[in-house]
Amino acid sequence: MAALPVQAAVRGDFVVLLVLVDTEDTMDQVAEKVARHVIDRRLPPQGGRPVVRVNGQDLPPGTTVAQAGIGPMQFIEVRYE
């Protein structure tokens, strides 16, 4: 377990955030950590489930940060489907 800073955005928002995630966080947990800074602040509640997108690919919800190979300061996007 190690803390890892990533750059993140929620699709539809205009702000890129610096969010601290853990290497053992799943993509569902990462999406929640990112969304808590945006939803009900700059964007209304979103329908559907959150999906984390890295390097143009959607990652499965149970994949951990370490398994996905996400590195420090890498950009991730959260979108809702």
N, C-alpha and C. Protein backbone atom coordinates (compact mmCIF):
# COMPACT_ATOMS: atom_id res chain seq x y z
N MET A 1 0.84 -1.18 0.00
CA MET A 1 0.00 0.00 0.00
C MET A 1 0.89 1.24 0.00
N ALA A 2 0.65 2.08 -0.99
CA ALA A 2 1.41 3.31 -1.09
C ALA A 2 0.54 4.40 -1.67
N ALA A 3 0.67 5.60 -1.13
CA ALA A 3 -0.07 6.74 -1.64
C ALA A 3 0.53 7.18 -2.96
N LEU A 4 -0.35 7.58 -3.88
CA LEU A 4 0.08 7.94 -5.22
C LEU A 4 -0.74 9.13 -5.71
N PRO A 5 -0.10 10.26 -6.06
CA PRO A 5 -0.87 11.38 -6.59
C PRO A 5 -1.12 11.18 -8.08
N VAL A 6 -2.36 11.42 -8.51
CA VAL A 6 -2.72 11.34 -9.93
C VAL A 6 -3.44 12.62 -10.33
N GLN A 7 -3.36 12.94 -11.61
CA GLN A 7 -4.16 14.03 -12.16
C GLN A 7 -5.47 13.40 -12.62
N ALA A 8 -6.59 14.04 -12.29
CA ALA A 8 -7.87 13.42 -12.61
C ALA A 8 -8.91 14.47 -12.97
N ALA A 9 -9.86 14.05 -13.79
CA ALA A 9 -10.98 14.90 -14.16
C ALA A 9 -12.22 14.03 -14.32
N VAL A 10 -13.37 14.65 -14.08
CA VAL A 10 -14.64 14.01 -14.36
C VAL A 10 -15.12 14.58 -15.69
N ARG A 11 -15.51 13.71 -16.61
CA ARG A 11 -15.96 14.18 -17.91
C ARG A 11 -17.08 15.20 -17.74
N GLY A 12 -16.92 16.33 -18.38
CA GLY A 12 -17.90 17.41 -18.28
C GLY A 12 -17.47 18.52 -17.35
N ASP A 13 -16.45 18.27 -16.54
CA ASP A 13 -15.93 19.29 -15.64
C ASP A 13 -14.77 20.00 -16.33
N PHE A 14 -14.46 21.20 -15.89
CA PHE A 14 -13.39 21.96 -16.52
C PHE A 14 -12.12 22.00 -15.68
N VAL A 15 -12.11 21.32 -14.54
CA VAL A 15 -10.98 21.37 -13.63
C VAL A 15 -10.25 20.02 -13.62
N VAL A 16 -8.93 20.08 -13.72
CA VAL A 16 -8.10 18.88 -13.52
C VAL A 16 -7.64 18.92 -12.07
N LEU A 17 -7.88 17.83 -11.37
CA LEU A 17 -7.61 17.74 -9.94
C LEU A 17 -6.34 16.95 -9.66
N LEU A 18 -5.74 17.22 -8.53
CA LEU A 18 -4.67 16.38 -8.01
C LEU A 18 -5.30 15.57 -6.89
N VAL A 19 -5.38 14.26 -7.07
CA VAL A 19 -6.07 13.38 -6.13
C VAL A 19 -5.09 12.32 -5.64
N LEU A 20 -5.12 12.07 -4.35
CA LEU A 20 -4.26 11.06 -3.75
C LEU A 20 -5.02 9.73 -3.71
N VAL A 21 -4.48 8.73 -4.38
CA VAL A 21 -5.08 7.39 -4.36
C VAL A 21 -4.06 6.43 -3.76
N ASP A 22 -4.50 5.23 -3.49
CA ASP A 22 -3.61 4.20 -2.94
C ASP A 22 -3.40 3.13 -4.01
N THR A 23 -2.26 2.52 -4.02
CA THR A 23 -1.97 1.50 -5.03
C THR A 23 -2.92 0.30 -4.92
N GLU A 24 -3.54 0.11 -3.77
CA GLU A 24 -4.48 -1.00 -3.58
C GLU A 24 -5.94 -0.59 -3.81
N ASP A 25 -6.21 0.68 -4.11
CA ASP A 25 -7.57 1.13 -4.41
C ASP A 25 -8.05 0.48 -5.70
N THR A 26 -9.32 0.08 -5.72
CA THR A 26 -9.93 -0.41 -6.96
C THR A 26 -10.38 0.79 -7.78
N MET A 27 -10.72 0.55 -9.03
CA MET A 27 -11.18 1.65 -9.89
C MET A 27 -12.47 2.26 -9.35
N ASP A 28 -13.32 1.46 -8.71
CA ASP A 28 -14.52 2.02 -8.08
C ASP A 28 -14.14 3.01 -6.98
N GLN A 29 -13.14 2.66 -6.19
CA GLN A 29 -12.69 3.56 -5.12
C GLN A 29 -12.02 4.81 -5.69
N VAL A 30 -11.25 4.64 -6.75
CA VAL A 30 -10.61 5.79 -7.40
C VAL A 30 -11.68 6.74 -7.94
N ALA A 31 -12.68 6.19 -8.61
CA ALA A 31 -13.76 7.01 -9.16
C ALA A 31 -14.46 7.79 -8.05
N GLU A 32 -14.70 7.15 -6.91
CA GLU A 32 -15.34 7.81 -5.78
C GLU A 32 -14.47 8.94 -5.24
N LYS A 33 -13.17 8.71 -5.13
CA LYS A 33 -12.26 9.74 -4.61
C LYS A 33 -12.22 10.96 -5.52
N VAL A 34 -12.28 10.72 -6.82
CA VAL A 34 -12.27 11.83 -7.77
C VAL A 34 -13.62 12.55 -7.76
N ALA A 35 -14.70 11.77 -7.84
CA ALA A 35 -16.04 12.35 -7.94
C ALA A 35 -16.43 13.18 -6.73
N ARG A 36 -15.92 12.86 -5.55
CA ARG A 36 -16.33 13.61 -4.36
C ARG A 36 -15.91 15.07 -4.42
N HIS A 37 -14.94 15.39 -5.28
CA HIS A 37 -14.50 16.78 -5.43
C HIS A 37 -15.30 17.54 -6.49
N VAL A 38 -16.14 16.82 -7.24
CA VAL A 38 -16.82 17.42 -8.38
C VAL A 38 -18.34 17.34 -8.29
N ILE A 39 -18.85 16.15 -8.01
CA ILE A 39 -20.29 15.93 -8.00
C ILE A 39 -20.93 16.71 -6.85
N ASP A 40 -22.01 17.40 -7.17
CA ASP A 40 -22.73 18.29 -6.25
C ASP A 40 -21.95 19.55 -5.93
N ARG A 41 -20.87 19.79 -6.65
CA ARG A 41 -20.11 21.03 -6.51
C ARG A 41 -20.15 21.78 -7.84
N ARG A 42 -19.57 21.16 -8.89
CA ARG A 42 -19.60 21.78 -10.21
C ARG A 42 -20.48 21.02 -11.18
N LEU A 43 -20.76 19.76 -10.89
CA LEU A 43 -21.64 18.94 -11.73
C LEU A 43 -22.74 18.35 -10.86
N PRO A 44 -23.94 18.18 -11.45
CA PRO A 44 -25.02 17.55 -10.70
C PRO A 44 -24.77 16.05 -10.56
N PRO A 45 -25.53 15.38 -9.69
CA PRO A 45 -25.39 13.92 -9.58
C PRO A 45 -25.55 13.27 -10.95
N GLN A 46 -24.73 12.28 -11.19
CA GLN A 46 -24.71 11.61 -12.49
C GLN A 46 -25.43 10.28 -12.40
N GLY A 47 -26.10 9.89 -13.47
CA GLY A 47 -26.73 8.58 -13.53
C GLY A 47 -25.73 7.55 -14.00
N GLY A 48 -25.98 6.31 -13.71
CA GLY A 48 -25.09 5.24 -14.16
C GLY A 48 -23.94 5.00 -13.22
N ARG A 49 -23.09 4.09 -13.63
CA ARG A 49 -21.94 3.77 -12.79
C ARG A 49 -20.70 4.49 -13.31
N PRO A 50 -19.79 4.83 -12.41
CA PRO A 50 -18.57 5.51 -12.84
C PRO A 50 -17.58 4.53 -13.47
N VAL A 51 -16.89 5.03 -14.48
CA VAL A 51 -15.87 4.25 -15.18
C VAL A 51 -14.59 5.07 -15.21
N VAL A 52 -13.48 4.44 -14.86
CA VAL A 52 -12.18 5.11 -14.90
C VAL A 52 -11.54 4.79 -16.25
N ARG A 53 -11.08 5.83 -16.91
CA ARG A 53 -10.45 5.71 -18.23
C ARG A 53 -9.01 6.17 -18.13
N VAL A 54 -8.08 5.32 -18.57
CA VAL A 54 -6.65 5.62 -18.53
C VAL A 54 -6.07 5.30 -19.91
N ASN A 55 -5.34 6.25 -20.48
CA ASN A 55 -4.72 6.03 -21.79
C ASN A 55 -5.73 5.54 -22.83
N GLY A 56 -6.94 6.10 -22.80
CA GLY A 56 -7.95 5.75 -23.79
C GLY A 56 -8.65 4.44 -23.58
N GLN A 57 -8.41 3.77 -22.45
CA GLN A 57 -9.07 2.49 -22.18
C GLN A 57 -9.84 2.53 -20.87
N ASP A 58 -11.06 1.98 -20.91
CA ASP A 58 -11.85 1.84 -19.69
C ASP A 58 -11.31 0.67 -18.90
N LEU A 59 -11.15 0.88 -17.60
CA LEU A 59 -10.62 -0.18 -16.74
C LEU A 59 -11.74 -0.87 -15.99
N PRO A 60 -11.65 -2.20 -15.81
CA PRO A 60 -12.67 -2.92 -15.05
C PRO A 60 -12.74 -2.40 -13.62
N PRO A 61 -13.95 -2.39 -13.02
CA PRO A 61 -14.13 -1.80 -11.69
C PRO A 61 -13.31 -2.42 -10.58
N GLY A 62 -12.98 -3.70 -10.66
CA GLY A 62 -12.23 -4.35 -9.59
C GLY A 62 -10.72 -4.27 -9.73
N THR A 63 -10.25 -3.70 -10.82
CA THR A 63 -8.81 -3.57 -11.05
C THR A 63 -8.21 -2.58 -10.06
N THR A 64 -7.07 -2.91 -9.48
CA THR A 64 -6.42 -1.97 -8.56
C THR A 64 -5.52 -1.03 -9.33
N VAL A 65 -5.14 0.04 -8.67
CA VAL A 65 -4.22 1.02 -9.26
C VAL A 65 -2.92 0.33 -9.66
N ALA A 66 -2.39 -0.52 -8.79
CA ALA A 66 -1.15 -1.23 -9.09
C ALA A 66 -1.31 -2.16 -10.29
N GLN A 67 -2.41 -2.90 -10.35
CA GLN A 67 -2.65 -3.80 -11.47
C GLN A 67 -2.77 -3.05 -12.79
N ALA A 68 -3.34 -1.85 -12.74
CA ALA A 68 -3.52 -1.05 -13.95
C ALA A 68 -2.22 -0.38 -14.39
N GLY A 69 -1.22 -0.38 -13.53
CA GLY A 69 0.06 0.23 -13.86
C GLY A 69 0.02 1.75 -13.86
N ILE A 70 -0.89 2.31 -13.09
CA ILE A 70 -1.01 3.77 -13.01
C ILE A 70 0.16 4.30 -12.19
N GLY A 71 0.84 5.30 -12.73
CA GLY A 71 2.00 5.87 -12.08
C GLY A 71 1.73 7.24 -11.50
N PRO A 72 2.69 7.80 -10.78
CA PRO A 72 2.52 9.12 -10.18
C PRO A 72 2.27 10.18 -11.25
N MET A 73 1.29 11.02 -10.98
CA MET A 73 0.92 12.17 -11.82
C MET A 73 0.33 11.77 -13.17
N GLN A 74 -0.01 10.50 -13.34
CA GLN A 74 -0.66 10.07 -14.58
C GLN A 74 -2.07 10.64 -14.61
N PHE A 75 -2.57 10.94 -15.81
CA PHE A 75 -3.91 11.50 -15.96
C PHE A 75 -4.94 10.38 -16.08
N ILE A 76 -6.02 10.52 -15.31
CA ILE A 76 -7.16 9.59 -15.42
C ILE A 76 -8.43 10.41 -15.60
N GLU A 77 -9.41 9.81 -16.26
CA GLU A 77 -10.70 10.46 -16.44
C GLU A 77 -11.78 9.55 -15.87
N VAL A 78 -12.74 10.15 -15.19
CA VAL A 78 -13.90 9.42 -14.69
C VAL A 78 -15.10 9.87 -15.52
N ARG A 79 -15.83 8.89 -16.03
CA ARG A 79 -17.06 9.19 -16.77
C ARG A 79 -18.16 8.27 -16.25
N TYR A 80 -19.37 8.60 -16.56
CA TYR A 80 -20.50 7.80 -16.11
C TYR A 80 -21.20 7.19 -17.32
N GLU A 81 -21.55 5.90 -17.19
CA GLU A 81 -22.26 5.25 -18.31
C GLU A 81 -23.64 4.81 -17.89
